[in-house]
Structure formats: C-alpha cells, structure tokens
N, C-alpha and C. Protein backbone atom coordinates (compact mmCIF):
# COMPACT_ATOMS: atom_id res chain seq x y z
N MET A 1 89.82 79.00 91.22
CA MET A 1 88.98 77.81 91.24
C MET A 1 89.65 76.73 92.06
N MET A 2 88.93 76.12 93.00
CA MET A 2 89.47 75.06 93.84
C MET A 2 89.05 73.71 93.29
N THR A 3 90.00 72.83 93.08
CA THR A 3 89.74 71.48 92.60
C THR A 3 90.40 70.49 93.54
N PRO A 4 90.03 69.19 93.48
CA PRO A 4 90.68 68.21 94.35
C PRO A 4 92.19 68.17 94.20
N ALA A 5 92.68 68.52 92.99
CA ALA A 5 94.12 68.48 92.75
C ALA A 5 94.86 69.57 93.50
N THR A 6 94.16 70.64 93.89
CA THR A 6 94.82 71.75 94.57
C THR A 6 94.75 71.63 96.09
N VAL A 7 94.07 70.62 96.60
CA VAL A 7 93.89 70.46 98.05
C VAL A 7 94.81 69.36 98.56
N SER A 8 95.60 69.68 99.56
CA SER A 8 96.50 68.69 100.14
C SER A 8 95.72 67.68 100.97
N ALA A 9 96.09 66.38 100.81
CA ALA A 9 95.43 65.32 101.58
C ALA A 9 96.07 65.13 102.95
N LEU A 10 97.20 65.79 103.18
CA LEU A 10 97.92 65.64 104.45
C LEU A 10 97.30 66.53 105.52
N PRO A 11 97.40 66.13 106.78
CA PRO A 11 96.92 66.99 107.87
C PRO A 11 97.69 68.30 107.89
N PHE A 12 97.06 69.30 108.48
CA PHE A 12 97.68 70.62 108.57
C PHE A 12 99.04 70.53 109.26
N GLY A 13 100.04 71.16 108.67
CA GLY A 13 101.37 71.21 109.27
C GLY A 13 102.29 70.09 108.85
N GLU A 14 101.79 69.08 108.12
CA GLU A 14 102.62 67.94 107.75
C GLU A 14 103.00 67.94 106.27
N ARG A 15 102.52 68.91 105.52
CA ARG A 15 102.84 68.96 104.09
C ARG A 15 104.29 69.34 103.87
N THR A 16 104.97 68.64 102.93
CA THR A 16 106.37 68.92 102.63
C THR A 16 106.58 69.29 101.16
N ASP A 17 105.53 69.22 100.34
CA ASP A 17 105.63 69.58 98.92
C ASP A 17 104.75 70.79 98.64
N LEU A 18 105.09 71.50 97.56
CA LEU A 18 104.29 72.63 97.15
C LEU A 18 102.93 72.17 96.64
N LEU A 19 101.91 72.99 96.84
CA LEU A 19 100.59 72.68 96.32
C LEU A 19 100.57 72.77 94.80
N ALA A 20 99.75 71.92 94.17
CA ALA A 20 99.59 71.98 92.72
C ALA A 20 98.95 73.31 92.32
N LYS A 21 99.44 73.90 91.25
CA LYS A 21 98.91 75.19 90.82
C LYS A 21 99.22 75.40 89.35
N HIS A 22 98.45 76.27 88.74
CA HIS A 22 98.65 76.65 87.35
C HIS A 22 98.55 78.16 87.25
N MET A 23 99.34 78.75 86.35
CA MET A 23 99.36 80.20 86.20
C MET A 23 99.52 80.54 84.73
N ARG A 24 98.77 81.53 84.26
CA ARG A 24 98.84 81.96 82.87
C ARG A 24 98.87 83.48 82.79
N TYR A 25 99.69 83.99 81.85
CA TYR A 25 99.68 85.42 81.56
C TYR A 25 98.37 85.76 80.88
N GLY A 26 97.70 86.80 81.37
CA GLY A 26 96.44 87.22 80.79
C GLY A 26 96.56 88.45 79.92
N LEU A 27 97.01 89.54 80.51
CA LEU A 27 97.14 90.81 79.80
C LEU A 27 97.98 91.75 80.64
N SER A 28 98.23 92.93 80.12
CA SER A 28 99.04 93.92 80.83
C SER A 28 98.22 95.18 81.10
N LEU A 29 98.64 95.88 82.12
CA LEU A 29 97.97 97.12 82.53
C LEU A 29 99.01 98.21 82.70
N GLU A 30 98.75 99.36 82.10
CA GLU A 30 99.63 100.52 82.25
C GLU A 30 98.79 101.76 82.54
N PHE A 31 99.26 102.55 83.49
CA PHE A 31 98.58 103.81 83.77
C PHE A 31 99.57 104.77 84.42
N GLN A 32 99.18 106.02 84.50
CA GLN A 32 100.05 107.05 85.07
C GLN A 32 99.21 108.02 85.90
N GLY A 33 99.89 108.74 86.76
CA GLY A 33 99.18 109.68 87.61
C GLY A 33 100.12 110.62 88.32
N GLU A 34 99.54 111.53 89.08
CA GLU A 34 100.31 112.49 89.87
C GLU A 34 100.06 112.23 91.34
N ALA A 35 101.15 112.14 92.10
CA ALA A 35 101.07 111.86 93.53
C ALA A 35 101.55 113.07 94.32
N THR A 36 100.71 113.48 95.26
CA THR A 36 101.07 114.53 96.22
C THR A 36 100.80 113.97 97.60
N GLY A 37 101.86 113.80 98.40
CA GLY A 37 101.69 113.12 99.69
C GLY A 37 101.26 111.69 99.45
N ILE A 38 100.20 111.25 100.12
CA ILE A 38 99.72 109.89 99.93
C ILE A 38 98.69 109.80 98.81
N HIS A 39 98.26 110.92 98.27
CA HIS A 39 97.16 110.94 97.31
C HIS A 39 97.66 110.81 95.87
N LEU A 40 97.00 109.93 95.12
CA LEU A 40 97.34 109.69 93.72
C LEU A 40 96.13 109.98 92.84
N ILE A 41 96.31 110.83 91.85
CA ILE A 41 95.26 111.14 90.88
C ILE A 41 95.69 110.53 89.54
N VAL A 42 94.89 109.60 89.04
CA VAL A 42 95.20 108.94 87.77
C VAL A 42 94.79 109.84 86.62
N THR A 43 95.67 110.01 85.66
CA THR A 43 95.38 110.86 84.51
C THR A 43 94.86 110.00 83.36
N PRO A 44 93.91 110.50 82.58
CA PRO A 44 93.30 109.71 81.51
C PRO A 44 94.28 109.41 80.39
N GLY A 45 94.02 108.31 79.71
CA GLY A 45 94.86 107.92 78.58
C GLY A 45 94.30 108.42 77.27
N PRO A 46 95.10 109.08 76.44
CA PRO A 46 94.62 109.59 75.17
C PRO A 46 94.60 108.51 74.09
N GLY A 47 93.77 108.69 73.10
CA GLY A 47 93.84 107.88 71.89
C GLY A 47 93.38 106.45 72.04
N ASP A 48 93.92 105.59 71.18
CA ASP A 48 93.51 104.20 71.06
C ASP A 48 94.21 103.35 72.11
N ALA A 49 93.42 102.72 72.99
CA ALA A 49 93.99 101.92 74.08
C ALA A 49 94.68 100.67 73.58
N THR A 50 94.44 100.27 72.33
CA THR A 50 95.06 99.05 71.82
C THR A 50 96.48 99.29 71.30
N LYS A 51 96.90 100.54 71.19
CA LYS A 51 98.23 100.84 70.67
C LYS A 51 99.27 100.81 71.78
N PRO A 52 100.50 100.31 71.50
CA PRO A 52 101.55 100.28 72.51
C PRO A 52 101.81 101.67 73.07
N GLY A 53 101.99 101.74 74.36
CA GLY A 53 102.26 103.02 75.01
C GLY A 53 101.04 103.73 75.51
N SER A 54 99.84 103.29 75.12
CA SER A 54 98.62 103.91 75.60
C SER A 54 98.20 103.29 76.92
N PRO A 55 97.84 104.11 77.92
CA PRO A 55 97.43 103.55 79.21
C PRO A 55 96.19 102.68 79.08
N GLY A 56 96.09 101.66 79.95
CA GLY A 56 94.94 100.78 79.95
C GLY A 56 95.35 99.32 79.81
N PHE A 57 94.36 98.47 79.50
CA PHE A 57 94.60 97.05 79.25
C PHE A 57 95.10 96.83 77.83
N ARG A 58 96.01 95.90 77.64
CA ARG A 58 96.38 95.42 76.32
C ARG A 58 97.18 94.14 76.49
N HIS A 59 97.24 93.34 75.43
CA HIS A 59 98.04 92.13 75.43
C HIS A 59 99.37 92.44 74.75
N LEU A 60 100.47 92.12 75.42
CA LEU A 60 101.78 92.50 74.90
C LEU A 60 102.08 91.86 73.55
N PHE A 61 101.49 90.68 73.30
CA PHE A 61 101.79 89.96 72.07
C PHE A 61 100.62 90.03 71.07
N ASP A 62 99.71 90.96 71.33
CA ASP A 62 98.58 91.23 70.42
C ASP A 62 97.67 90.03 70.22
N GLU A 63 97.59 89.16 71.21
CA GLU A 63 96.66 88.04 71.13
C GLU A 63 95.24 88.54 71.39
N LYS A 64 94.28 87.94 70.72
CA LYS A 64 92.87 88.29 70.91
C LYS A 64 92.18 87.37 71.90
N LEU A 65 92.70 86.15 72.05
CA LEU A 65 92.17 85.16 72.98
C LEU A 65 93.31 84.63 73.82
N VAL A 66 92.99 84.25 75.04
CA VAL A 66 93.99 83.65 75.92
C VAL A 66 93.35 82.48 76.64
N THR A 67 94.15 81.46 76.93
CA THR A 67 93.66 80.27 77.63
C THR A 67 93.87 80.44 79.13
N MET A 68 92.80 80.32 79.89
CA MET A 68 92.87 80.39 81.33
C MET A 68 93.48 79.10 81.90
N PRO A 69 93.96 79.13 83.14
CA PRO A 69 94.61 77.94 83.72
C PRO A 69 93.75 76.68 83.68
N GLU A 70 92.44 76.83 83.81
CA GLU A 70 91.56 75.66 83.80
C GLU A 70 91.19 75.21 82.40
N GLY A 71 91.70 75.90 81.36
CA GLY A 71 91.51 75.44 80.00
C GLY A 71 90.57 76.26 79.15
N GLY A 72 89.74 77.11 79.73
CA GLY A 72 88.79 77.91 78.97
C GLY A 72 89.48 79.02 78.18
N ARG A 73 88.94 79.34 77.00
CA ARG A 73 89.46 80.42 76.16
C ARG A 73 88.58 81.65 76.34
N VAL A 74 89.18 82.81 76.56
CA VAL A 74 88.42 84.04 76.78
C VAL A 74 88.96 85.16 75.90
N ASP A 75 88.08 86.12 75.60
CA ASP A 75 88.48 87.30 74.83
C ASP A 75 89.30 88.24 75.71
N ILE A 76 90.32 88.83 75.11
CA ILE A 76 91.18 89.77 75.82
C ILE A 76 90.66 91.19 75.62
N PRO A 77 90.34 91.90 76.70
CA PRO A 77 89.83 93.26 76.54
C PRO A 77 90.95 94.29 76.38
N ALA A 78 90.62 95.36 75.71
CA ALA A 78 91.43 96.58 75.76
C ALA A 78 90.56 97.63 76.42
N CYS A 79 91.16 98.54 77.13
CA CYS A 79 90.35 99.59 77.77
C CYS A 79 91.11 100.89 77.80
N GLN A 80 90.36 101.97 77.85
CA GLN A 80 90.92 103.31 77.98
C GLN A 80 90.57 103.86 79.35
N ILE A 81 91.55 104.40 80.03
CA ILE A 81 91.34 104.94 81.37
C ILE A 81 90.76 106.36 81.26
N LEU A 82 89.65 106.57 81.96
CA LEU A 82 89.00 107.88 81.95
C LEU A 82 89.41 108.73 83.15
N SER A 83 89.48 108.11 84.33
CA SER A 83 89.84 108.83 85.55
C SER A 83 90.15 107.82 86.63
N GLY A 84 90.66 108.32 87.74
CA GLY A 84 90.95 107.43 88.86
C GLY A 84 91.63 108.15 89.98
N ARG A 85 91.62 107.53 91.15
CA ARG A 85 92.32 108.09 92.30
C ARG A 85 92.72 106.96 93.23
N GLY A 86 93.74 107.21 94.04
CA GLY A 86 94.20 106.17 94.95
C GLY A 86 95.10 106.72 96.03
N GLN A 87 95.80 105.82 96.70
CA GLN A 87 96.68 106.19 97.81
C GLN A 87 97.97 105.37 97.77
N LEU A 88 99.05 106.03 98.12
CA LEU A 88 100.34 105.39 98.36
C LEU A 88 100.62 105.56 99.85
N GLY A 89 100.52 104.47 100.61
CA GLY A 89 100.58 104.58 102.06
C GLY A 89 99.18 104.82 102.61
N THR A 90 99.11 105.11 103.90
CA THR A 90 97.82 105.39 104.54
C THR A 90 97.93 106.67 105.35
N ALA A 91 96.77 107.18 105.76
CA ALA A 91 96.76 108.41 106.55
C ALA A 91 97.50 108.22 107.88
N LYS A 92 97.35 107.03 108.48
CA LYS A 92 98.02 106.77 109.76
C LYS A 92 99.51 106.46 109.58
N ASP A 93 99.85 105.86 108.43
CA ASP A 93 101.25 105.51 108.18
C ASP A 93 101.59 105.82 106.73
N PRO A 94 101.88 107.08 106.42
CA PRO A 94 102.13 107.48 105.03
C PRO A 94 103.37 106.85 104.42
N ARG A 95 104.25 106.28 105.24
CA ARG A 95 105.47 105.69 104.72
C ARG A 95 105.36 104.18 104.49
N CYS A 96 104.20 103.60 104.75
CA CYS A 96 104.05 102.16 104.54
C CYS A 96 103.93 101.85 103.05
N ALA A 97 104.06 100.57 102.70
CA ALA A 97 104.08 100.16 101.29
C ALA A 97 102.70 99.95 100.69
N SER A 98 101.64 100.17 101.47
CA SER A 98 100.28 99.92 100.99
C SER A 98 99.95 100.77 99.76
N PHE A 99 99.22 100.17 98.82
CA PHE A 99 98.88 100.84 97.57
C PHE A 99 97.48 100.43 97.13
N VAL A 100 96.65 101.39 96.79
CA VAL A 100 95.31 101.10 96.27
C VAL A 100 94.94 102.18 95.25
N VAL A 101 94.28 101.77 94.16
CA VAL A 101 93.84 102.72 93.16
C VAL A 101 92.54 102.22 92.54
N ASP A 102 91.58 103.13 92.37
CA ASP A 102 90.30 102.84 91.71
C ASP A 102 90.24 103.64 90.42
N MET A 103 89.92 102.96 89.30
CA MET A 103 89.90 103.63 88.01
C MET A 103 88.59 103.40 87.28
N ASN A 104 88.13 104.44 86.61
CA ASN A 104 86.97 104.35 85.72
C ASN A 104 87.49 104.22 84.29
N THR A 105 87.07 103.17 83.61
CA THR A 105 87.57 102.91 82.26
C THR A 105 86.41 102.62 81.32
N VAL A 106 86.71 102.61 80.03
CA VAL A 106 85.74 102.18 79.02
C VAL A 106 86.41 101.09 78.18
N LEU A 107 85.72 99.97 78.02
CA LEU A 107 86.25 98.85 77.26
C LEU A 107 86.14 99.08 75.76
N ASP A 108 86.82 98.25 74.98
CA ASP A 108 86.79 98.44 73.53
C ASP A 108 85.45 98.08 72.90
N ASP A 109 84.52 97.49 73.69
CA ASP A 109 83.17 97.28 73.18
C ASP A 109 82.23 98.40 73.60
N GLY A 110 82.79 99.45 74.21
CA GLY A 110 82.00 100.62 74.58
C GLY A 110 81.39 100.58 75.96
N LYS A 111 81.52 99.46 76.67
CA LYS A 111 80.92 99.32 78.00
C LYS A 111 81.87 99.86 79.07
N PRO A 112 81.33 100.51 80.12
CA PRO A 112 82.18 101.01 81.20
C PRO A 112 82.68 99.87 82.08
N MET A 113 83.80 100.08 82.74
CA MET A 113 84.35 99.10 83.67
C MET A 113 85.03 99.82 84.83
N ASN A 114 84.72 99.39 86.04
CA ASN A 114 85.44 99.87 87.22
C ASN A 114 86.57 98.89 87.52
N LEU A 115 87.76 99.42 87.69
CA LEU A 115 88.95 98.60 87.93
C LEU A 115 89.61 99.03 89.23
N THR A 116 89.81 98.08 90.14
CA THR A 116 90.47 98.36 91.42
C THR A 116 91.73 97.51 91.53
N CYS A 117 92.83 98.15 91.94
CA CYS A 117 94.09 97.46 92.20
C CYS A 117 94.49 97.70 93.65
N ARG A 118 94.81 96.62 94.35
CA ARG A 118 95.27 96.71 95.73
C ARG A 118 96.54 95.90 95.88
N GLY A 119 97.53 96.47 96.57
CA GLY A 119 98.77 95.74 96.75
C GLY A 119 99.80 96.55 97.49
N VAL A 120 101.04 96.39 97.07
CA VAL A 120 102.15 97.08 97.72
C VAL A 120 103.09 97.64 96.66
N VAL A 121 103.75 98.74 97.00
CA VAL A 121 104.78 99.34 96.17
C VAL A 121 106.06 99.43 96.98
N THR A 122 107.14 98.91 96.44
CA THR A 122 108.44 98.95 97.11
C THR A 122 109.39 99.79 96.27
N LEU A 123 109.80 100.93 96.81
CA LEU A 123 110.65 101.86 96.08
C LEU A 123 112.10 101.70 96.49
N ARG A 124 113.00 101.91 95.52
CA ARG A 124 114.41 101.93 95.85
C ARG A 124 114.69 103.13 96.76
N GLY A 125 115.40 102.87 97.83
CA GLY A 125 115.62 103.92 98.82
C GLY A 125 114.61 103.88 99.94
N GLY A 126 113.69 102.91 99.88
CA GLY A 126 112.73 102.76 100.97
C GLY A 126 111.44 103.52 100.73
N SER A 127 110.51 103.35 101.66
CA SER A 127 109.18 103.94 101.51
C SER A 127 109.19 105.46 101.61
N SER A 128 110.28 106.03 102.09
CA SER A 128 110.34 107.49 102.22
C SER A 128 110.91 108.15 100.96
N ALA A 129 111.15 107.37 99.89
CA ALA A 129 111.79 107.93 98.69
C ALA A 129 110.99 109.09 98.11
N LEU A 130 109.66 108.99 98.15
CA LEU A 130 108.83 110.06 97.59
C LEU A 130 108.67 111.23 98.55
N ARG A 131 109.20 111.11 99.75
CA ARG A 131 109.09 112.20 100.72
C ARG A 131 110.38 113.03 100.80
N SER A 132 111.41 112.61 100.06
CA SER A 132 112.67 113.35 100.08
C SER A 132 112.49 114.72 99.47
N PRO A 133 112.96 115.79 100.13
CA PRO A 133 112.75 117.15 99.60
C PRO A 133 113.57 117.45 98.36
N SER A 134 114.63 116.65 98.10
CA SER A 134 115.50 116.96 96.96
C SER A 134 115.41 115.93 95.83
N ALA A 135 114.72 114.81 96.04
CA ALA A 135 114.67 113.76 95.03
C ALA A 135 113.86 114.19 93.81
N THR A 136 114.35 113.86 92.62
CA THR A 136 113.65 114.16 91.37
C THR A 136 113.34 112.91 90.56
N VAL A 137 113.92 111.77 90.95
CA VAL A 137 113.70 110.51 90.24
C VAL A 137 113.52 109.41 91.26
N SER A 138 112.58 108.50 91.01
CA SER A 138 112.36 107.35 91.89
C SER A 138 111.85 106.18 91.06
N SER A 139 112.13 104.97 91.52
CA SER A 139 111.65 103.78 90.81
C SER A 139 111.57 102.63 91.80
N GLY A 140 110.86 101.59 91.40
CA GLY A 140 110.72 100.44 92.28
C GLY A 140 109.83 99.38 91.66
N HIS A 141 109.36 98.48 92.50
CA HIS A 141 108.54 97.35 92.07
C HIS A 141 107.19 97.39 92.78
N ALA A 142 106.22 96.70 92.20
CA ALA A 142 104.88 96.68 92.77
C ALA A 142 104.23 95.32 92.56
N PHE A 143 103.31 94.99 93.45
CA PHE A 143 102.51 93.77 93.33
C PHE A 143 101.07 94.14 93.64
N VAL A 144 100.14 93.73 92.77
CA VAL A 144 98.73 94.08 92.98
C VAL A 144 97.83 92.89 92.69
N ALA A 145 96.65 92.92 93.29
CA ALA A 145 95.54 92.05 92.91
C ALA A 145 94.44 92.96 92.36
N THR A 146 93.79 92.54 91.29
CA THR A 146 92.81 93.39 90.63
C THR A 146 91.41 92.79 90.75
N THR A 147 90.42 93.68 90.80
CA THR A 147 89.02 93.28 90.68
C THR A 147 88.36 94.23 89.69
N CYS A 148 87.48 93.68 88.87
CA CYS A 148 86.82 94.45 87.82
C CYS A 148 85.31 94.31 87.92
N GLU A 149 84.61 95.35 87.54
CA GLU A 149 83.14 95.34 87.50
C GLU A 149 82.71 95.94 86.16
N THR A 150 81.96 95.15 85.38
CA THR A 150 81.48 95.64 84.10
C THR A 150 80.22 94.87 83.71
N VAL A 151 79.38 95.52 82.91
CA VAL A 151 78.17 94.87 82.39
C VAL A 151 78.43 94.26 81.02
N SER A 152 79.66 94.32 80.54
CA SER A 152 79.99 93.79 79.22
C SER A 152 79.77 92.28 79.17
N ALA A 153 78.99 91.82 78.20
CA ALA A 153 78.78 90.39 78.02
C ALA A 153 80.02 89.72 77.44
N THR A 154 80.74 90.44 76.60
CA THR A 154 81.94 89.88 75.97
C THR A 154 83.01 89.58 77.00
N TYR A 155 83.14 90.45 77.99
CA TYR A 155 84.22 90.32 78.97
C TYR A 155 83.71 90.01 80.38
N ARG A 156 82.58 89.33 80.46
CA ARG A 156 82.03 89.04 81.79
C ARG A 156 82.96 88.15 82.63
N TRP A 157 83.85 87.41 81.95
CA TRP A 157 84.78 86.54 82.69
C TRP A 157 85.66 87.35 83.62
N ILE A 158 85.96 88.60 83.25
CA ILE A 158 86.91 89.37 84.05
C ILE A 158 86.31 89.85 85.37
N THR A 159 84.97 89.85 85.45
CA THR A 159 84.32 90.20 86.72
C THR A 159 84.26 89.00 87.66
N ARG A 160 84.53 87.82 87.14
CA ARG A 160 84.46 86.60 87.94
C ARG A 160 85.82 86.13 88.43
N ARG A 161 86.86 86.78 88.01
CA ARG A 161 88.21 86.30 88.33
C ARG A 161 89.09 87.44 88.83
N GLU A 162 89.80 87.18 89.89
CA GLU A 162 90.79 88.13 90.39
C GLU A 162 92.12 87.82 89.73
N LEU A 163 92.69 88.82 89.09
CA LEU A 163 94.01 88.69 88.49
C LEU A 163 95.05 89.29 89.43
N PHE A 164 96.26 88.79 89.37
CA PHE A 164 97.33 89.40 90.16
C PHE A 164 98.45 89.84 89.23
N GLY A 165 99.11 90.91 89.61
CA GLY A 165 100.11 91.49 88.72
C GLY A 165 101.41 91.83 89.41
N VAL A 166 102.50 91.58 88.70
CA VAL A 166 103.82 92.04 89.14
C VAL A 166 104.24 93.14 88.18
N GLY A 167 104.82 94.19 88.72
CA GLY A 167 105.12 95.30 87.84
C GLY A 167 106.18 96.24 88.36
N ALA A 168 106.28 97.35 87.67
CA ALA A 168 107.29 98.35 87.98
C ALA A 168 106.65 99.72 88.06
N VAL A 169 107.27 100.58 88.82
CA VAL A 169 106.82 101.97 88.93
C VAL A 169 108.05 102.87 88.82
N ARG A 170 107.89 103.94 88.09
CA ARG A 170 108.96 104.94 88.01
C ARG A 170 108.34 106.32 88.11
N GLY A 171 109.07 107.22 88.74
CA GLY A 171 108.52 108.55 88.98
C GLY A 171 109.53 109.65 88.75
N THR A 172 109.04 110.80 88.35
CA THR A 172 109.88 111.99 88.17
C THR A 172 109.11 113.21 88.66
N ARG A 173 109.84 114.23 89.04
CA ARG A 173 109.24 115.53 89.34
C ARG A 173 110.27 116.60 89.07
N SER A 174 109.81 117.79 88.75
CA SER A 174 110.71 118.88 88.42
C SER A 174 110.01 120.20 88.64
N LEU A 175 110.79 121.24 88.65
CA LEU A 175 110.23 122.58 88.77
C LEU A 175 109.57 122.99 87.45
N ALA A 176 108.60 123.86 87.53
CA ALA A 176 107.93 124.35 86.33
C ALA A 176 108.79 125.41 85.65
N GLU A 177 108.53 125.64 84.36
CA GLU A 177 109.29 126.64 83.62
C GLU A 177 109.11 128.04 84.21
N ALA A 178 107.96 128.27 84.85
CA ALA A 178 107.68 129.59 85.40
C ALA A 178 108.36 129.82 86.75
N ASP A 179 108.93 128.75 87.34
CA ASP A 179 109.59 128.91 88.63
C ASP A 179 110.90 129.65 88.49
N PRO A 180 111.35 130.31 89.56
CA PRO A 180 112.63 131.03 89.51
C PRO A 180 113.78 130.09 89.17
N THR A 181 114.73 130.58 88.40
CA THR A 181 115.88 129.77 88.00
C THR A 181 117.08 129.95 88.92
N THR A 182 117.13 131.04 89.64
CA THR A 182 118.24 131.30 90.57
C THR A 182 117.75 131.08 92.00
N LEU A 183 118.15 129.94 92.56
CA LEU A 183 117.69 129.56 93.89
C LEU A 183 118.83 128.98 94.70
N THR A 184 118.77 129.17 95.99
CA THR A 184 119.70 128.47 96.86
C THR A 184 119.24 127.02 96.96
N LYS A 185 120.11 126.17 97.50
CA LYS A 185 119.75 124.76 97.64
C LYS A 185 118.51 124.60 98.51
N LYS A 186 118.43 125.36 99.59
CA LYS A 186 117.27 125.27 100.48
C LYS A 186 116.01 125.75 99.77
N GLU A 187 116.10 126.85 99.05
CA GLU A 187 114.94 127.37 98.32
C GLU A 187 114.48 126.37 97.26
N HIS A 188 115.46 125.74 96.60
CA HIS A 188 115.12 124.76 95.57
C HIS A 188 114.37 123.58 96.19
N GLU A 189 114.85 123.08 97.33
CA GLU A 189 114.20 121.95 97.99
C GLU A 189 112.79 122.30 98.46
N VAL A 190 112.62 123.50 98.99
CA VAL A 190 111.29 123.92 99.47
C VAL A 190 110.32 124.00 98.30
N LEU A 191 110.78 124.58 97.18
CA LEU A 191 109.91 124.71 96.02
C LEU A 191 109.62 123.35 95.39
N LEU A 192 110.66 122.49 95.33
CA LEU A 192 110.49 121.17 94.73
C LEU A 192 109.57 120.28 95.56
N SER A 193 109.64 120.42 96.88
CA SER A 193 108.83 119.55 97.76
C SER A 193 107.33 119.78 97.57
N GLY A 194 106.95 120.91 97.01
CA GLY A 194 105.54 121.18 96.77
C GLY A 194 105.06 120.70 95.41
N LYS A 195 105.96 120.15 94.61
CA LYS A 195 105.59 119.68 93.28
C LYS A 195 105.14 118.22 93.33
N PRO A 196 104.15 117.84 92.54
CA PRO A 196 103.69 116.44 92.53
C PRO A 196 104.67 115.53 91.80
N TRP A 197 104.66 114.27 92.18
CA TRP A 197 105.41 113.25 91.46
C TRP A 197 104.58 112.77 90.27
N ARG A 198 105.23 112.60 89.15
CA ARG A 198 104.60 112.01 87.97
C ARG A 198 105.00 110.54 87.95
N LEU A 199 104.03 109.65 88.23
CA LEU A 199 104.31 108.23 88.38
C LEU A 199 103.75 107.43 87.20
N HIS A 200 104.54 106.47 86.74
CA HIS A 200 104.14 105.57 85.65
C HIS A 200 104.15 104.14 86.19
N PHE A 201 103.02 103.45 86.06
CA PHE A 201 102.87 102.08 86.54
C PHE A 201 102.70 101.13 85.35
N SER A 202 103.35 99.98 85.43
CA SER A 202 103.23 98.98 84.38
C SER A 202 103.17 97.60 85.03
N PHE A 203 102.12 96.82 84.70
CA PHE A 203 101.93 95.50 85.31
C PHE A 203 101.66 94.45 84.25
N ASP A 204 102.15 93.24 84.48
CA ASP A 204 101.72 92.06 83.76
C ASP A 204 100.79 91.29 84.68
N LEU A 205 99.58 91.03 84.21
CA LEU A 205 98.55 90.40 85.04
C LEU A 205 98.40 88.92 84.71
N TYR A 206 98.25 88.11 85.75
CA TYR A 206 98.20 86.66 85.59
C TYR A 206 96.92 86.10 86.25
N ALA A 207 96.45 85.01 85.68
CA ALA A 207 95.37 84.24 86.28
C ALA A 207 95.97 82.94 86.82
N ALA A 208 95.46 82.49 87.95
CA ALA A 208 96.03 81.30 88.57
C ALA A 208 94.97 80.55 89.35
N PHE A 209 95.22 79.25 89.59
CA PHE A 209 94.48 78.47 90.57
C PHE A 209 95.37 77.36 91.07
C-alpha cells in the first residue's frame, strides 16, 4: 500500500535517508520436493497442516490473528499442500539462482488455493552444488515473493497482498537399498548422479509497505 508517508518529497537522486516502511511477520511456509536437473516436483504434505513439521502454511507462535503493517487484523490460514512443480535455474542457464514453484493447496476452511513462489536460491558451494556427481548433502538460503489465488472469503486478504519470505533450503540424496553395495568411486558417482535431490524449504513470510 502506498501512502504519502512512503513517498519521498525530494527530487530523484537527491534523497539521503531511507524511505519510511513497516514490516510484520505474517506466517511461515514449509514444503519439500524432489529435484532432478532443473525440475522440482513438490510432494504432498500428510496429516494436519496446523501441526509443527507438516508442510504448508502455519504460524510459528500459534497465533490465529495477525496485525498487518497498516493496522488491519486478519485471520491466519493453515493449508495442506496437495501437489506442485517448479524449477531451480532455467533451461538456458541451469546454474543460475532463479527459483519458481507453483503449488496446489487446500486451506483449513476447505477452499482450494493456488500458491506461487518466485525468487532466488543461493547454495553453499555455488549454484553448481546440486550438479556435483559426488555430493550427497547441500544447503543454502532463499528469498521469495508469494502470490495466492483462492475463493475463500475468510482469507481473501491473502489474494490482495504479496508476501515476501526469507528462508533456508537443505537437500540430501543417496543410493537406494536395491543399488549395488560394491562400487568403484566412478561407478558410485555415475549411479548417484541419476538420483533426485530431496529438498526441504522453510520460509518466514512478511507483509510490508
């Protein structure tokens, strides 16, 4: 929301102070998926989305209402992730930090919601960390902006506001139990390179103006 307080009265290029702004924690988002190359398939979350550790929306401090930066109080949704897919990098530049994921979810009032996250993922070891033939563990940081679409009357505020999130990502991959146990280093790397990464994403989402 743009207000007179957020607009600088100085001509362009002459401002020396930070713009006025307000920011509030809204809720958290957690999800997981399997990545092969640039492609990410989000796996559904089991059970109750309101319980800690379950993928989806939830408030870390179990608040039911939260105050937006402009002062309005809104209901906090919980949601369960049904499916989703996305990309880490792009087809033209698979090693870039670009990140996008689209998820189909159901809110705790039973209404469906489409959730899109766009941003960047920065991995320790650089953008090629997930392309290493021998790596089995990876982690890093992420920043996303979210957009939501839902017909829910209770949570209609979330379709009108873009939230932004700072978060973490961690990944693991390993050979299956059915794979051979006696392998040379080269054979192990070849077999491991064909296995998907299991990635876990966790974000704290904020509203701001």
